[in-house]
Amino acid sequence: MACFIVPGIEAIITTIAKKKLNRKGVEKINLKLLNTLLWGGTFLLMIEHVWHGEVVPWPPFLTAMTTASSFGTMLHEMLYVGVPMAVGITLAWAIAVVVTLKISEKTEKSTTQAA
């Protein structure tokens, strides 16, 4: 129903953070990759929810918000599906950043020793 909202909110936050951090010259953490993962996942989930009729082009836009009883179900899905998705995406990004930094450290050491 609304699981895509959680990664979407994280994508908005990281996009703002990326703009502020890029001014300070922090490129090693590769927020562009995280933003791509989050925005791409959010977009694909939104398309899937539109396809299944859970998101509509008229207010309140989410079919789960039409009745009070389904609003609780929507919050439950956001908590138990959206949050784990956002955490999983962030963990995958963090692992990619750590692996990339380790590889770049090894190549720097090997080129320094070779010279």
N, C-alpha and C. Protein backbone atom coordinates (compact mmCIF):
# COMPACT_ATOMS: atom_id res chain seq x y z
N MET A 1 0.81 -1.20 0.00
CA MET A 1 0.00 0.00 0.00
C MET A 1 0.85 1.26 0.00
N ALA A 2 1.68 1.42 1.00
CA ALA A 2 2.44 2.67 1.12
C ALA A 2 3.88 2.42 1.55
N CYS A 3 4.38 1.23 1.31
CA CYS A 3 5.73 0.91 1.76
C CYS A 3 6.78 1.78 1.06
N PHE A 4 6.48 2.28 -0.13
CA PHE A 4 7.43 3.09 -0.88
C PHE A 4 7.64 4.47 -0.26
N ILE A 5 6.77 4.87 0.66
CA ILE A 5 6.89 6.19 1.27
C ILE A 5 8.14 6.29 2.14
N VAL A 6 8.47 5.23 2.86
CA VAL A 6 9.62 5.26 3.77
C VAL A 6 10.93 5.43 3.00
N PRO A 7 11.24 4.60 1.98
CA PRO A 7 12.46 4.88 1.21
C PRO A 7 12.40 6.22 0.48
N GLY A 8 11.20 6.66 0.12
CA GLY A 8 11.06 7.96 -0.52
C GLY A 8 11.44 9.10 0.41
N ILE A 9 11.03 9.01 1.66
CA ILE A 9 11.40 10.03 2.64
C ILE A 9 12.91 10.01 2.88
N GLU A 10 13.48 8.81 2.97
CA GLU A 10 14.94 8.71 3.13
C GLU A 10 15.65 9.28 1.91
N ALA A 11 15.10 9.06 0.72
CA ALA A 11 15.70 9.61 -0.50
C ALA A 11 15.69 11.13 -0.49
N ILE A 12 14.60 11.71 -0.01
CA ILE A 12 14.53 13.18 0.08
C ILE A 12 15.59 13.70 1.05
N ILE A 13 15.71 13.04 2.20
CA ILE A 13 16.68 13.47 3.22
C ILE A 13 18.11 13.34 2.69
N THR A 14 18.41 12.20 2.04
CA THR A 14 19.78 12.03 1.54
C THR A 14 20.09 12.94 0.36
N THR A 15 19.08 13.30 -0.41
CA THR A 15 19.31 14.25 -1.50
C THR A 15 19.70 15.61 -0.95
N ILE A 16 19.00 16.04 0.08
CA ILE A 16 19.34 17.32 0.74
C ILE A 16 20.72 17.24 1.36
N ALA A 17 21.00 16.12 2.04
CA ALA A 17 22.31 15.94 2.68
C ALA A 17 23.43 15.92 1.64
N LYS A 18 23.17 15.28 0.51
CA LYS A 18 24.18 15.21 -0.56
C LYS A 18 24.53 16.60 -1.06
N LYS A 19 23.52 17.43 -1.25
CA LYS A 19 23.78 18.79 -1.73
C LYS A 19 24.62 19.58 -0.72
N LYS A 20 24.32 19.41 0.56
CA LYS A 20 25.07 20.14 1.59
C LYS A 20 26.47 19.58 1.77
N LEU A 21 26.62 18.25 1.71
CA LEU A 21 27.93 17.64 1.89
C LEU A 21 28.83 17.83 0.69
N ASN A 22 28.27 17.88 -0.52
CA ASN A 22 29.10 18.08 -1.70
C ASN A 22 29.75 19.45 -1.71
N ARG A 23 29.13 20.41 -1.05
CA ARG A 23 29.75 21.73 -0.93
C ARG A 23 31.00 21.65 -0.08
N LYS A 24 31.03 20.69 0.84
CA LYS A 24 32.17 20.53 1.73
C LYS A 24 33.21 19.57 1.17
N GLY A 25 32.95 18.97 0.02
CA GLY A 25 33.92 18.11 -0.64
C GLY A 25 33.96 16.69 -0.11
N VAL A 26 32.86 16.14 0.32
CA VAL A 26 32.82 14.77 0.82
C VAL A 26 32.29 13.87 -0.29
N GLU A 27 33.20 13.27 -1.05
CA GLU A 27 32.79 12.38 -2.14
C GLU A 27 33.02 10.91 -1.83
N LYS A 28 33.81 10.62 -0.82
CA LYS A 28 34.17 9.23 -0.54
C LYS A 28 32.98 8.37 -0.13
N ILE A 29 31.97 8.97 0.48
CA ILE A 29 30.85 8.16 0.95
C ILE A 29 29.84 7.87 -0.15
N ASN A 30 29.99 8.47 -1.30
CA ASN A 30 29.20 8.16 -2.50
C ASN A 30 27.69 8.20 -2.24
N LEU A 31 27.21 9.34 -1.80
CA LEU A 31 25.76 9.50 -1.60
C LEU A 31 24.98 9.43 -2.90
N LYS A 32 25.65 9.64 -4.02
CA LYS A 32 24.96 9.52 -5.30
C LYS A 32 24.44 8.11 -5.51
N LEU A 33 25.24 7.11 -5.11
CA LEU A 33 24.81 5.72 -5.22
C LEU A 33 23.61 5.46 -4.33
N LEU A 34 23.66 5.94 -3.09
CA LEU A 34 22.53 5.74 -2.18
C LEU A 34 21.27 6.41 -2.72
N ASN A 35 21.40 7.62 -3.23
CA ASN A 35 20.24 8.31 -3.80
C ASN A 35 19.68 7.57 -5.00
N THR A 36 20.55 7.04 -5.84
CA THR A 36 20.09 6.28 -7.00
C THR A 36 19.32 5.04 -6.57
N LEU A 37 19.85 4.32 -5.59
CA LEU A 37 19.17 3.13 -5.08
C LEU A 37 17.81 3.49 -4.48
N LEU A 38 17.78 4.52 -3.66
CA LEU A 38 16.53 4.90 -2.98
C LEU A 38 15.49 5.44 -3.96
N TRP A 39 15.89 6.37 -4.83
CA TRP A 39 14.92 6.93 -5.79
C TRP A 39 14.44 5.88 -6.78
N GLY A 40 15.35 5.03 -7.23
CA GLY A 40 14.96 3.96 -8.16
C GLY A 40 13.98 2.99 -7.54
N GLY A 41 14.29 2.56 -6.31
CA GLY A 41 13.38 1.65 -5.61
C GLY A 41 12.03 2.28 -5.33
N THR A 42 12.04 3.53 -4.92
CA THR A 42 10.79 4.24 -4.65
C THR A 42 9.95 4.35 -5.92
N PHE A 43 10.58 4.71 -7.02
CA PHE A 43 9.87 4.86 -8.28
C PHE A 43 9.27 3.53 -8.74
N LEU A 44 10.06 2.46 -8.67
CA LEU A 44 9.56 1.15 -9.10
C LEU A 44 8.42 0.66 -8.21
N LEU A 45 8.53 0.88 -6.91
CA LEU A 45 7.45 0.49 -6.00
C LEU A 45 6.19 1.31 -6.26
N MET A 46 6.38 2.59 -6.55
CA MET A 46 5.23 3.44 -6.84
C MET A 46 4.51 2.96 -8.09
N ILE A 47 5.27 2.62 -9.13
CA ILE A 47 4.69 2.09 -10.36
C ILE A 47 3.92 0.80 -10.06
N GLU A 48 4.51 -0.07 -9.25
CA GLU A 48 3.86 -1.34 -8.91
C GLU A 48 2.55 -1.09 -8.15
N HIS A 49 2.55 -0.13 -7.25
CA HIS A 49 1.34 0.17 -6.48
C HIS A 49 0.27 0.84 -7.36
N VAL A 50 0.68 1.65 -8.32
CA VAL A 50 -0.27 2.21 -9.27
C VAL A 50 -0.86 1.09 -10.11
N TRP A 51 -0.02 0.17 -10.55
CA TRP A 51 -0.46 -0.96 -11.36
C TRP A 51 -1.54 -1.78 -10.65
N HIS A 52 -1.38 -1.95 -9.34
CA HIS A 52 -2.35 -2.74 -8.57
C HIS A 52 -3.50 -1.91 -8.00
N GLY A 53 -3.56 -0.64 -8.34
CA GLY A 53 -4.68 0.19 -7.93
C GLY A 53 -4.62 0.69 -6.49
N GLU A 54 -3.45 0.61 -5.87
CA GLU A 54 -3.30 1.08 -4.49
C GLU A 54 -2.97 2.56 -4.42
N VAL A 55 -2.47 3.11 -5.51
CA VAL A 55 -2.21 4.54 -5.63
C VAL A 55 -3.05 5.04 -6.80
N VAL A 56 -3.81 6.10 -6.57
CA VAL A 56 -4.70 6.63 -7.59
C VAL A 56 -4.40 8.11 -7.82
N PRO A 57 -4.78 8.68 -8.97
CA PRO A 57 -4.45 10.07 -9.27
C PRO A 57 -5.40 11.10 -8.65
N TRP A 58 -6.27 10.71 -7.73
CA TRP A 58 -7.16 11.66 -7.08
C TRP A 58 -6.98 11.54 -5.56
N PRO A 59 -7.26 12.64 -4.85
CA PRO A 59 -7.10 12.61 -3.39
C PRO A 59 -7.98 11.56 -2.75
N PRO A 60 -7.53 10.90 -1.75
CA PRO A 60 -6.29 11.05 -0.99
C PRO A 60 -5.10 10.30 -1.57
N PHE A 61 -5.13 9.90 -2.81
CA PHE A 61 -4.03 9.29 -3.58
C PHE A 61 -3.71 7.86 -3.17
N LEU A 62 -3.76 7.56 -1.89
CA LEU A 62 -3.55 6.19 -1.43
C LEU A 62 -4.90 5.61 -1.06
N THR A 63 -5.23 4.47 -1.64
CA THR A 63 -6.54 3.88 -1.36
C THR A 63 -6.66 3.47 0.10
N ALA A 64 -5.54 3.28 0.77
CA ALA A 64 -5.57 2.90 2.19
C ALA A 64 -6.02 4.05 3.08
N MET A 65 -6.04 5.25 2.57
CA MET A 65 -6.42 6.39 3.40
C MET A 65 -7.91 6.74 3.28
N THR A 66 -8.66 5.93 2.57
CA THR A 66 -10.08 6.24 2.38
C THR A 66 -10.90 5.93 3.62
N THR A 67 -10.50 4.93 4.39
CA THR A 67 -11.22 4.60 5.62
C THR A 67 -10.24 4.57 6.79
N ALA A 68 -10.76 4.83 7.97
CA ALA A 68 -9.91 4.86 9.16
C ALA A 68 -9.34 3.48 9.48
N SER A 69 -10.10 2.44 9.20
CA SER A 69 -9.62 1.09 9.53
C SER A 69 -8.44 0.68 8.64
N SER A 70 -8.41 1.11 7.39
CA SER A 70 -7.31 0.74 6.51
C SER A 70 -6.08 1.64 6.73
N PHE A 71 -6.26 2.77 7.40
CA PHE A 71 -5.13 3.64 7.71
C PHE A 71 -4.15 2.94 8.64
N GLY A 72 -4.66 2.20 9.61
CA GLY A 72 -3.80 1.44 10.51
C GLY A 72 -3.02 0.37 9.76
N THR A 73 -3.66 -0.26 8.80
CA THR A 73 -3.00 -1.27 7.97
C THR A 73 -1.87 -0.64 7.16
N MET A 74 -2.12 0.57 6.67
CA MET A 74 -1.10 1.27 5.91
C MET A 74 0.11 1.59 6.79
N LEU A 75 -0.13 2.08 7.99
CA LEU A 75 0.98 2.38 8.90
C LEU A 75 1.74 1.11 9.27
N HIS A 76 1.02 0.02 9.45
CA HIS A 76 1.65 -1.26 9.75
C HIS A 76 2.56 -1.69 8.61
N GLU A 77 2.10 -1.53 7.37
CA GLU A 77 2.93 -1.89 6.22
C GLU A 77 4.15 -0.99 6.11
N MET A 78 3.96 0.29 6.38
CA MET A 78 5.09 1.21 6.33
C MET A 78 6.15 0.82 7.36
N LEU A 79 5.70 0.42 8.54
CA LEU A 79 6.63 0.06 9.60
C LEU A 79 7.30 -1.28 9.35
N TYR A 80 6.54 -2.28 8.94
CA TYR A 80 7.08 -3.63 8.83
C TYR A 80 7.57 -4.02 7.44
N VAL A 81 7.29 -3.21 6.43
CA VAL A 81 7.80 -3.48 5.09
C VAL A 81 8.68 -2.32 4.62
N GLY A 82 8.21 -1.09 4.76
CA GLY A 82 8.95 0.07 4.28
C GLY A 82 10.25 0.32 5.03
N VAL A 83 10.20 0.23 6.36
CA VAL A 83 11.40 0.47 7.15
C VAL A 83 12.47 -0.61 6.87
N PRO A 84 12.12 -1.91 6.88
CA PRO A 84 13.16 -2.89 6.53
C PRO A 84 13.73 -2.71 5.12
N MET A 85 12.90 -2.29 4.16
CA MET A 85 13.41 -2.03 2.81
C MET A 85 14.42 -0.89 2.83
N ALA A 86 14.08 0.19 3.51
CA ALA A 86 14.98 1.35 3.58
C ALA A 86 16.28 0.98 4.30
N VAL A 87 16.16 0.22 5.38
CA VAL A 87 17.36 -0.21 6.11
C VAL A 87 18.20 -1.14 5.24
N GLY A 88 17.56 -2.05 4.53
CA GLY A 88 18.29 -2.96 3.65
C GLY A 88 19.03 -2.24 2.55
N ILE A 89 18.39 -1.27 1.94
CA ILE A 89 19.03 -0.48 0.89
C ILE A 89 20.22 0.28 1.46
N THR A 90 20.04 0.87 2.64
CA THR A 90 21.12 1.63 3.27
C THR A 90 22.28 0.72 3.65
N LEU A 91 21.98 -0.47 4.15
CA LEU A 91 23.05 -1.42 4.49
C LEU A 91 23.81 -1.87 3.25
N ALA A 92 23.10 -2.14 2.17
CA ALA A 92 23.76 -2.53 0.92
C ALA A 92 24.69 -1.42 0.44
N TRP A 93 24.22 -0.18 0.53
CA TRP A 93 25.04 0.96 0.15
C TRP A 93 26.26 1.08 1.06
N ALA A 94 26.07 0.92 2.38
CA ALA A 94 27.18 1.03 3.32
C ALA A 94 28.23 -0.05 3.06
N ILE A 95 27.79 -1.26 2.77
CA ILE A 95 28.73 -2.34 2.45
C ILE A 95 29.50 -2.01 1.18
N ALA A 96 28.81 -1.49 0.18
CA ALA A 96 29.48 -1.10 -1.08
C ALA A 96 30.53 -0.01 -0.83
N VAL A 97 30.20 0.95 0.03
CA VAL A 97 31.14 2.03 0.32
C VAL A 97 32.36 1.49 1.06
N VAL A 98 32.15 0.63 2.04
CA VAL A 98 33.26 0.07 2.81
C VAL A 98 34.17 -0.77 1.90
N VAL A 99 33.57 -1.62 1.07
CA VAL A 99 34.35 -2.45 0.16
C VAL A 99 35.15 -1.58 -0.81
N THR A 100 34.52 -0.55 -1.35
CA THR A 100 35.21 0.35 -2.27
C THR A 100 36.37 1.06 -1.60
N LEU A 101 36.17 1.52 -0.37
CA LEU A 101 37.26 2.19 0.36
C LEU A 101 38.41 1.23 0.64
N LYS A 102 38.10 0.00 1.02
CA LYS A 102 39.15 -1.00 1.28
C LYS A 102 39.94 -1.31 0.01
N ILE A 103 39.24 -1.46 -1.11
CA ILE A 103 39.92 -1.74 -2.37
C ILE A 103 40.80 -0.57 -2.77
N SER A 104 40.31 0.65 -2.62
CA SER A 104 41.12 1.81 -3.00
C SER A 104 42.33 1.96 -2.08
N GLU A 105 42.18 1.60 -0.79
CA GLU A 105 43.33 1.64 0.11
C GLU A 105 44.39 0.63 -0.32
N LYS A 106 43.95 -0.57 -0.71
CA LYS A 106 44.89 -1.61 -1.15
C LYS A 106 45.62 -1.18 -2.41
N THR A 107 44.90 -0.60 -3.36
CA THR A 107 45.55 -0.19 -4.61
C THR A 107 46.51 0.97 -4.36
N GLU A 108 46.17 1.86 -3.44
CA GLU A 108 47.08 2.96 -3.11
C GLU A 108 48.35 2.43 -2.46
N LYS A 109 48.21 1.45 -1.56
CA LYS A 109 49.38 0.86 -0.91
C LYS A 109 50.26 0.14 -1.91
N SER A 110 49.63 -0.61 -2.82
CA SER A 110 50.43 -1.36 -3.80
C SER A 110 51.14 -0.44 -4.78
N THR A 111 50.51 0.64 -5.18
CA THR A 111 51.17 1.58 -6.10
C THR A 111 52.27 2.36 -5.37
N THR A 112 52.08 2.63 -4.08
CA THR A 112 53.09 3.32 -3.31
C THR A 112 54.31 2.42 -3.10
N GLN A 113 54.08 1.15 -2.83
CA GLN A 113 55.18 0.22 -2.63
C GLN A 113 55.91 -0.08 -3.93
N ALA A 114 55.19 -0.09 -5.02
CA ALA A 114 55.82 -0.38 -6.31
C ALA A 114 56.71 0.77 -6.77
N ALA A 115 56.39 1.97 -6.36
CA ALA A 115 57.16 3.15 -6.80
C ALA A 115 58.38 3.33 -5.98
